[in-house]
Amino acid sequence: MAHDFPLFGDFSDPDAGHGSGPTRQTVLAAVEARLITTFGEPSGRAAVTFVGADRIEVLRFGPDAEGLVRYATLGMSAAPMADPSSAVADPVRGPRAELVLTVRGGQDEVHRALVVFAASPQVEGLVVAPGGSLDLGSPLWTGAPFTSVLAAEPGGLVEDLELPSPAEAVRFLPLLPMTPNEAAFKRVQGAAALEERWLKHGTDLRDPNRRGVPLD
């Protein structure tokens, strides 16, 4: 795996279109434009490539006036996610998504985890959707109390990006870090129950050092 976060230069990407749908280059250019329109120019970017998978980038935005740093993937939406039970993946139709994580003060090391999550549809055949969880199996960054994330509902932070028919819109899924205990609670009780606990206790999900919410 190659990665390069400190260098903020431009990255070229070959046009790898699929069938009659929008090309990879067209989709990613539109996604990046949507992110810039929403958050402003990126303050950094990383590029990571796995063997046998297309490159995924992570764009960093901020910090803003509140000290919040946004990390957004770029590359996950280049192709639709395929239902793992399907015998043949449709190269045009299917859900498309990018991931957005907000951290107060920033944690640039998290780009590695985000790339792993964003590559999971290519590598593992996963369909990432709201209410689902992604588990890294190790801290999201050095010393982090979180090892996994919950994919939240899109639309509130970044508007969906419509693509030419028959391709589906790109949805930007906010990622909410979970402690191991919270992840275990979510597996048993469901995402809604965990989100209700967070809301009840006024949990700041952007705090990189927060403690787990009470689950009793």
Protein backbone atom coordinates (compact mmCIF):
# COMPACT_ATOMS: atom_id res chain seq x y z
CA MET A 1 0.00 0.00 0.00
CA ALA A 2 1.40 3.39 -1.00
CA HIS A 3 0.31 6.58 0.67
CA ASP A 4 1.26 10.23 0.56
CA PHE A 5 -0.54 12.70 2.78
CA PRO A 6 1.93 15.55 3.36
CA LEU A 7 2.38 16.28 -0.37
CA PHE A 8 -0.48 18.36 -1.70
CA GLY A 9 0.17 18.25 -5.44
CA ASP A 10 -2.25 17.30 -8.19
CA PHE A 11 -2.88 13.65 -9.05
CA SER A 12 -3.74 12.46 -12.53
CA ASP A 13 -6.21 9.60 -12.92
CA PRO A 14 -6.88 7.56 -16.05
CA ASP A 15 -10.36 7.52 -17.52
CA ALA A 16 -11.73 4.08 -16.75
CA GLY A 17 -15.32 4.37 -17.89
CA HIS A 18 -17.84 1.53 -17.66
CA GLY A 19 -20.33 0.78 -20.43
CA SER A 20 -22.76 3.56 -21.29
CA GLY A 21 -22.63 5.13 -17.85
CA PRO A 22 -20.53 8.09 -16.72
CA THR A 23 -16.79 7.54 -16.79
CA ARG A 24 -14.67 7.28 -13.67
CA GLN A 25 -12.98 10.57 -14.53
CA THR A 26 -16.30 12.37 -15.02
CA VAL A 27 -17.77 11.09 -11.76
CA LEU A 28 -14.73 11.92 -9.65
CA ALA A 29 -14.38 15.39 -11.14
CA ALA A 30 -18.01 16.11 -10.26
CA VAL A 31 -17.59 14.66 -6.76
CA GLU A 32 -14.53 16.80 -6.08
CA ALA A 33 -16.35 19.88 -7.36
CA ARG A 34 -19.28 19.16 -5.03
CA LEU A 35 -16.94 18.78 -2.04
CA ILE A 36 -15.13 22.03 -2.85
CA THR A 37 -18.41 23.86 -3.29
CA THR A 38 -19.47 22.62 0.15
CA PHE A 39 -16.25 22.92 2.17
CA GLY A 40 -13.95 25.18 0.15
CA GLU A 41 -10.56 24.31 -1.28
CA PRO A 42 -8.90 21.28 0.33
CA SER A 43 -6.04 21.92 2.74
CA GLY A 44 -4.43 18.58 1.90
CA ARG A 45 -4.92 15.25 0.20
CA ALA A 46 -3.68 11.69 0.33
CA ALA A 47 -3.52 9.02 -2.36
CA VAL A 48 -3.56 5.32 -1.48
CA THR A 49 -3.54 2.36 -3.83
CA PHE A 50 -4.23 -1.28 -3.02
CA VAL A 51 -3.12 -4.07 -5.32
CA GLY A 52 -6.04 -5.04 -7.55
CA ALA A 53 -8.13 -1.97 -6.67
CA ASP A 54 -8.46 1.53 -8.05
CA ARG A 55 -6.75 4.35 -6.18
CA ILE A 56 -8.66 6.12 -3.44
CA GLU A 57 -7.87 9.67 -2.39
CA VAL A 58 -8.74 11.44 0.84
CA LEU A 59 -9.25 15.20 0.76
CA ARG A 60 -8.81 17.26 3.92
CA PHE A 61 -10.83 20.44 4.46
CA GLY A 62 -10.20 22.88 7.26
CA PRO A 63 -9.87 23.50 10.08
CA ASP A 64 -12.83 25.87 9.95
CA ALA A 65 -13.71 28.60 12.44
CA GLU A 66 -14.84 25.95 14.94
CA GLY A 67 -11.64 23.96 14.58
CA LEU A 68 -13.39 21.19 12.66
CA VAL A 69 -11.51 19.24 10.02
CA ARG A 70 -13.40 17.24 7.38
CA TYR A 71 -11.91 14.23 5.64
CA ALA A 72 -13.70 13.08 2.48
CA THR A 73 -12.90 10.09 0.28
CA LEU A 74 -12.63 10.49 -3.47
CA GLY A 75 -12.76 7.35 -5.60
CA MET A 76 -15.27 5.09 -3.89
CA SER A 77 -18.07 6.45 -6.10
CA ALA A 78 -16.27 5.83 -9.38
CA ALA A 79 -18.22 2.58 -9.79
CA PRO A 80 -21.51 1.43 -8.29
CA MET A 81 -21.43 -0.92 -5.31
CA ALA A 82 -22.64 -4.37 -6.20
CA ASP A 83 -24.85 -6.68 -4.19
CA PRO A 84 -22.50 -9.53 -3.19
CA SER A 85 -25.29 -12.03 -3.89
CA SER A 86 -25.52 -10.94 -7.55
CA ALA A 87 -23.87 -13.25 -10.05
CA VAL A 88 -22.89 -10.34 -12.31
CA ALA A 89 -22.28 -6.77 -11.16
CA ASP A 90 -24.04 -4.04 -13.14
CA PRO A 91 -21.34 -1.60 -14.32
CA VAL A 92 -23.71 1.38 -14.33
CA ARG A 93 -26.66 0.87 -11.99
CA GLY A 94 -26.25 0.56 -8.25
CA PRO A 95 -25.60 2.73 -5.20
CA ARG A 96 -22.59 5.04 -5.19
CA ALA A 97 -21.13 6.73 -2.14
CA GLU A 98 -18.23 8.66 -0.68
CA LEU A 99 -17.38 8.89 3.02
CA VAL A 100 -17.00 12.02 5.17
CA LEU A 101 -15.50 12.10 8.66
CA THR A 102 -15.41 15.21 10.85
CA VAL A 103 -12.83 15.49 13.64
CA ARG A 104 -12.31 18.49 15.91
CA GLY A 105 -8.66 19.54 15.58
CA GLY A 106 -8.00 16.93 12.90
CA GLN A 107 -6.30 13.54 12.88
CA ASP A 108 -4.51 13.21 9.54
CA GLU A 109 -3.52 9.62 10.24
CA VAL A 110 -7.18 8.65 9.85
CA HIS A 111 -6.82 8.80 6.08
CA ARG A 112 -5.50 5.23 6.13
CA ALA A 113 -8.66 3.95 7.81
CA LEU A 114 -10.86 5.94 5.44
CA VAL A 115 -9.17 4.41 2.42
CA VAL A 116 -9.67 0.91 3.82
CA PHE A 117 -13.36 1.66 4.33
CA ALA A 118 -13.75 3.27 0.90
CA ALA A 119 -12.03 0.35 -0.83
CA SER A 120 -14.21 -2.27 0.88
CA PRO A 121 -16.79 -2.39 -1.95
CA GLN A 122 -14.00 -3.21 -4.43
CA VAL A 123 -11.99 -5.49 -2.18
CA GLU A 124 -14.69 -7.24 -0.16
CA GLY A 125 -17.84 -6.72 -2.22
CA LEU A 126 -19.54 -4.72 0.54
CA VAL A 127 -22.42 -2.33 -0.03
CA VAL A 128 -21.94 0.56 2.39
CA ALA A 129 -25.26 2.12 3.37
CA PRO A 130 -26.74 4.24 6.18
CA GLY A 131 -27.03 2.28 9.40
CA GLY A 132 -24.17 -0.02 8.47
CA SER A 133 -20.88 -0.19 10.32
CA LEU A 134 -17.30 -0.56 9.17
CA ASP A 135 -14.75 -2.09 11.53
CA LEU A 136 -11.03 -1.45 11.11
CA GLY A 137 -10.07 -3.92 13.85
CA SER A 138 -7.56 -1.43 15.26
CA PRO A 139 -7.65 2.24 16.36
CA LEU A 140 -8.74 4.64 13.62
CA TRP A 141 -5.54 6.57 14.40
CA THR A 142 -2.78 6.14 16.95
CA GLY A 143 -4.28 6.30 20.44
CA ALA A 144 -7.86 6.63 19.19
CA PRO A 145 -10.57 5.11 21.43
CA PHE A 146 -12.47 4.10 18.27
CA THR A 147 -11.99 1.05 16.06
CA SER A 148 -15.07 1.31 13.86
CA VAL A 149 -17.56 3.78 12.40
CA LEU A 150 -21.29 3.99 11.85
CA ALA A 151 -22.46 5.23 8.45
CA ALA A 152 -25.11 7.90 9.04
CA GLU A 153 -27.83 9.26 6.77
CA PRO A 154 -26.56 11.40 3.86
CA GLY A 155 -27.79 14.79 2.69
CA GLY A 156 -27.30 16.88 5.81
CA LEU A 157 -23.64 17.73 5.33
CA VAL A 158 -23.12 17.32 1.58
CA GLU A 159 -26.02 17.17 -0.87
CA ASP A 160 -26.40 14.10 -3.04
CA LEU A 161 -24.75 14.43 -6.45
CA GLU A 162 -27.06 13.48 -9.30
CA LEU A 163 -25.48 11.59 -12.20
CA PRO A 164 -26.81 11.08 -15.74
CA SER A 165 -29.42 8.31 -15.92
CA PRO A 166 -29.33 5.37 -15.47
CA ALA A 167 -26.56 5.87 -12.92
CA GLU A 168 -27.69 6.50 -9.35
CA ALA A 169 -26.75 9.62 -7.41
CA VAL A 170 -23.56 9.74 -5.34
CA ARG A 171 -24.41 9.95 -1.64
CA PHE A 172 -21.98 11.38 0.88
CA LEU A 173 -22.21 9.28 4.04
CA PRO A 174 -21.09 10.87 7.34
CA LEU A 175 -19.04 8.48 9.46
CA LEU A 176 -19.58 8.44 13.24
CA PRO A 177 -16.70 6.87 15.22
CA MET A 178 -17.67 4.11 17.66
CA THR A 179 -15.83 2.66 20.63
CA PRO A 180 -15.69 -1.17 20.76
CA ASN A 181 -18.49 -1.20 23.37
CA GLU A 182 -20.65 1.08 21.26
CA ALA A 183 -20.05 -1.11 18.22
CA ALA A 184 -21.07 -4.20 20.20
CA PHE A 185 -24.21 -2.41 21.41
CA LYS A 186 -25.05 -1.40 17.85
CA ARG A 187 -24.73 -4.99 16.60
CA VAL A 188 -27.28 -6.17 19.17
CA GLN A 189 -29.63 -3.19 19.52
CA GLY A 190 -29.27 -1.56 16.10
CA ALA A 191 -28.03 1.78 14.82
CA ALA A 192 -31.14 3.73 15.88
CA ALA A 193 -30.75 2.65 19.50
CA LEU A 194 -27.12 3.74 19.59
CA GLU A 195 -27.90 7.08 17.95
CA GLU A 196 -30.65 7.59 20.54
CA ARG A 197 -28.10 7.06 23.34
CA TRP A 198 -25.73 9.55 21.76
CA LEU A 199 -28.52 12.10 21.46
CA LYS A 200 -29.77 11.52 25.00
CA HIS A 201 -26.32 12.15 26.48
CA GLY A 202 -25.41 15.05 24.18
CA THR A 203 -22.42 13.17 22.80
CA ASP A 204 -20.02 15.24 20.71
CA LEU A 205 -19.24 12.74 17.97
CA ARG A 206 -16.57 15.04 16.53
CA ASP A 207 -14.46 14.89 19.72
CA PRO A 208 -11.40 12.71 18.97
CA ASN A 209 -10.94 11.92 22.67
CA ARG A 210 -14.52 11.38 23.83
CA ARG A 211 -15.43 8.52 26.10
CA GLY A 212 -17.98 5.89 25.18
CA VAL A 213 -21.60 6.79 25.86
CA PRO A 214 -23.26 5.03 28.85
CA LEU A 215 -25.03 1.94 27.53
CA ASP A 216 -26.76 0.64 30.68
